[in-house]
Protein backbone atom coordinates (compact mmCIF):
# COMPACT_ATOMS: atom_id res chain seq x y z
CA MET A 1 99.00 53.33 117.46
CA SER A 2 98.78 54.65 114.25
CA ALA A 3 97.72 58.01 113.22
CA ALA A 4 93.89 58.26 112.13
CA GLY A 5 94.99 54.23 110.68
CA THR A 6 97.00 55.09 107.93
CA GLY A 7 100.13 53.44 108.98
CA ALA A 8 101.75 56.81 110.12
CA PRO A 9 103.21 57.22 113.33
CA PRO A 10 101.29 59.85 115.36
CA PRO A 11 102.43 63.31 114.85
CA VAL A 12 105.58 64.47 117.62
CA ARG A 13 103.91 66.69 120.16
CA ARG A 14 106.65 70.30 120.13
CA MET A 15 108.44 70.10 123.40
CA THR A 16 110.11 72.53 125.46
CA SER A 17 111.39 70.33 128.09
CA PRO A 18 114.61 68.95 127.63
CA ILE A 19 113.95 65.57 129.10
CA PRO A 20 113.00 64.12 125.42
CA SER A 21 116.62 65.62 124.27
CA ALA A 22 118.32 63.80 127.04
CA LEU A 23 116.33 60.62 126.28
CA ASP A 24 117.65 60.85 122.67
CA ALA A 25 121.07 60.22 123.88
CA LEU A 26 119.69 57.38 126.19
CA TYR A 27 118.26 55.73 123.01
CA LEU A 28 121.04 56.28 120.83
CA ALA A 29 123.49 54.52 123.59
CA SER A 30 120.51 51.63 123.42
CA ILE A 31 120.59 51.47 119.58
CA TRP A 32 124.60 51.30 120.01
CA THR A 33 124.98 48.69 122.55
CA ALA A 34 122.34 46.47 120.96
CA GLY A 35 123.98 46.92 117.52
CA VAL A 36 127.26 46.21 119.04
CA ALA A 37 125.84 43.45 120.75
CA ILE A 38 124.76 41.72 117.66
CA LEU A 39 127.83 42.85 115.76
CA ALA A 40 130.12 40.40 118.63
CA MET A 41 127.66 37.66 118.36
CA SER A 42 128.04 37.62 114.68
CA LEU A 43 131.78 37.36 114.68
CA ILE A 44 132.01 34.92 117.77
CA ILE A 45 129.63 32.44 116.54
CA PRO A 46 131.60 31.38 113.47
CA TRP A 47 134.74 31.56 115.28
CA GLY A 48 133.19 28.52 117.63
CA VAL A 49 132.37 26.78 114.53
CA PHE A 50 135.31 27.40 112.57
CA THR A 51 137.35 25.80 116.02
CA ARG A 52 135.17 23.04 116.52
CA TYR A 53 134.79 21.97 112.56
CA VAL A 54 138.35 23.19 111.43
CA LEU A 55 140.41 23.03 114.25
CA GLY A 56 139.22 19.97 115.49
CA SER A 57 138.75 20.91 118.94
CA GLY A 58 136.14 23.63 119.96
CA SER A 59 136.26 26.94 121.95
CA GLN A 60 134.29 26.61 125.09
CA TRP A 61 133.75 30.39 125.30
CA PRO A 62 131.98 31.27 122.41
CA GLU A 63 128.47 29.67 122.91
CA PRO A 64 127.74 31.72 126.82
CA ILE A 65 129.09 34.48 125.05
CA ALA A 66 127.08 34.72 122.53
CA ILE A 67 123.79 33.79 124.26
CA LEU A 68 124.83 36.74 126.93
CA LEU A 69 125.09 38.93 123.99
CA MET A 70 121.60 37.62 122.85
CA MET A 71 120.13 38.85 125.69
CA VAL A 72 121.88 42.21 125.38
CA PHE A 73 120.64 42.63 122.22
CA THR A 74 117.38 41.82 122.59
CA PHE A 75 116.63 43.33 126.01
CA ILE A 76 118.27 46.73 125.18
CA GLY A 77 117.25 46.65 121.62
CA ALA A 78 113.67 46.08 122.78
CA ALA A 79 113.51 49.07 124.54
CA ALA A 80 114.98 51.21 121.73
CA ALA A 81 112.33 49.65 119.59
CA TYR A 82 109.53 50.64 122.04
CA ARG A 83 110.64 54.47 121.47
CA ALA A 84 110.87 54.10 117.66
CA GLY A 85 107.66 52.79 117.45
CA SER A 86 109.10 49.62 115.63
CA HIS A 87 107.70 47.10 117.73
CA ILE A 88 105.01 44.74 116.53
CA ALA A 89 101.84 46.23 116.96
CA VAL A 90 98.45 44.79 115.75
CA THR A 91 96.22 48.25 115.41
CA ILE A 92 93.26 46.34 113.43
CA LEU A 93 90.70 46.74 116.40
CA THR A 94 91.71 50.00 118.13
CA ASP A 95 92.10 51.79 114.71
CA ALA A 96 88.37 50.97 114.08
CA LEU A 97 87.72 52.76 117.57
CA PRO A 98 86.18 56.52 117.95
CA LEU A 99 88.88 58.48 119.07
CA VAL A 100 88.26 58.92 122.62
CA MET A 101 88.39 55.11 122.89
CA ARG A 102 91.49 55.07 121.13
CA ARG A 103 92.92 57.35 123.49
CA ALA A 104 91.74 54.93 126.54
CA ALA A 105 93.33 51.73 124.87
CA ALA A 106 96.79 53.96 124.15
CA PHE A 107 96.22 54.67 127.92
CA ALA A 108 95.55 51.41 129.22
CA SER A 109 98.11 50.10 126.81
CA ASP A 110 101.22 52.24 128.39
CA LEU A 111 99.45 51.33 131.94
CA LEU A 112 99.99 47.41 130.96
CA MET A 113 103.52 47.97 129.79
CA LEU A 114 104.34 49.71 133.19
CA LEU A 115 103.10 47.03 134.69
CA VAL A 116 105.18 44.39 132.73
CA CYS A 117 108.35 46.77 132.91
CA THR A 118 108.10 47.06 136.69
CA PHE A 119 107.67 43.13 136.64
CA ILE A 120 110.97 42.52 134.57
CA VAL A 121 112.85 45.08 136.74
CA TRP A 122 111.71 43.37 139.98
CA TYR A 123 112.30 39.83 139.35
CA GLY A 124 115.50 40.30 136.62
CA ALA A 125 116.87 42.16 139.49
CA ALA A 126 115.95 39.23 142.13
CA LEU A 127 116.97 36.50 139.57
CA CYS A 128 120.60 38.23 139.04
CA ALA A 129 120.83 38.69 143.32
CA ALA A 130 119.80 34.84 143.66
CA THR A 131 122.65 33.82 140.84
CA TRP A 132 125.49 36.14 141.48
CA GLY A 133 127.09 33.69 143.42
CA GLN A 134 127.04 30.84 141.12
CA SER A 135 129.41 30.61 138.08
CA ILE A 136 128.89 29.40 134.25
CA ALA A 137 131.39 26.07 133.74
CA GLU A 138 132.80 27.73 130.13
CA LEU A 139 133.26 31.48 131.88
CA PRO A 140 134.17 30.37 135.66
CA TRP A 141 135.45 34.24 135.98
CA LEU A 142 131.78 35.80 135.06
CA PRO A 143 129.13 35.53 137.81
CA ALA A 144 125.90 33.80 136.60
CA GLY A 145 124.14 36.67 137.82
CA ALA A 146 126.40 39.12 135.39
CA THR A 147 124.34 37.20 132.42
CA TYR A 148 121.22 37.99 133.69
CA LEU A 149 121.67 41.92 134.04
CA PRO A 150 120.36 42.68 130.57
CA LEU A 151 116.97 41.82 132.04
CA PRO A 152 116.54 44.41 134.33
CA ILE A 153 118.86 47.02 132.78
CA GLY A 154 116.29 46.65 129.64
CA GLY A 155 113.31 46.66 132.33
CA VAL A 156 114.52 50.25 133.35
CA LEU A 157 114.84 52.03 130.10
CA THR A 158 111.56 50.60 128.70
CA LEU A 159 110.37 51.98 131.65
CA VAL A 160 111.89 54.97 131.43
CA PHE A 161 110.52 55.63 127.55
CA VAL A 162 106.97 54.51 128.25
CA LEU A 163 106.88 57.15 130.83
CA GLU A 164 107.89 59.36 127.89
CA ARG A 165 105.39 58.23 125.81
CA MET A 166 102.88 58.78 128.32
CA VAL A 167 104.13 62.33 129.11
CA PHE A 168 105.41 63.50 126.31
CA GLY A 169 103.31 61.51 123.43
CA SER A 170 105.08 59.51 120.91
CA GLN A 171 108.80 60.18 119.83
CA ALA A 172 108.12 57.47 116.71
CA GLY A 173 108.45 60.78 114.44
CA ARG A 174 111.47 62.14 115.96
CA PRO A 175 114.85 62.42 113.61
CA ILE A 176 116.46 60.90 116.17
CA VAL A 177 114.35 57.83 115.92
CA LYS A 178 113.91 58.42 112.34
CA TYR A 179 117.21 58.54 110.69
CA GLU A 180 115.72 58.92 106.87
CA LEU A 181 114.37 62.15 108.24
CA ALA A 182 117.51 63.56 110.01
CA PRO A 183 119.27 66.22 107.84
CA GLU A 184 122.06 64.43 107.18
CA ALA A 185 120.60 61.67 105.63
CA VAL A 186 118.85 63.27 103.14
CA ALA A 187 121.10 62.72 99.59
CA THR A 188 121.39 66.14 97.78
CA PRO A 189 122.07 66.26 94.29
CA ASP A 190 125.29 66.19 92.73
């Protein structure tokens, strides 16, 4: 939800708890994991195309590995995007509500997010367990259940960030989340 309908992130509450700082490390780990996954995917896909169309014999592993990396990027990156407040949010209706109703809508939204995250964690873990004994034809050494691990892991990360938001408020304005606010990101004139 934007601050007073301006599109700006809500103000960050000053905290005395070490929990948001610890979650900064979890946020950075999520960002780096998602970033490395998309970088690796961007390198693997051209390799698959090169081997198929230039060398004439396509490698079997690029496609399933790229799909796994896309799962990592999607679900781990989504958790980080939620914490940063950079996910898609249509606030035209809630911005028009009185403050009390906006707070109630934000609380209802957080409760729904808890429900969705719990669903993803529960059924994602069940999917991993149910398919762990199966293998992928192109990668017989990799259990099929391992390819679904980003579901429950991303669900747990998002769940943690939802709980953080409910307890400590939005973290969208923290310097670690908005890198352009960090002192080292500020350009100094020469």
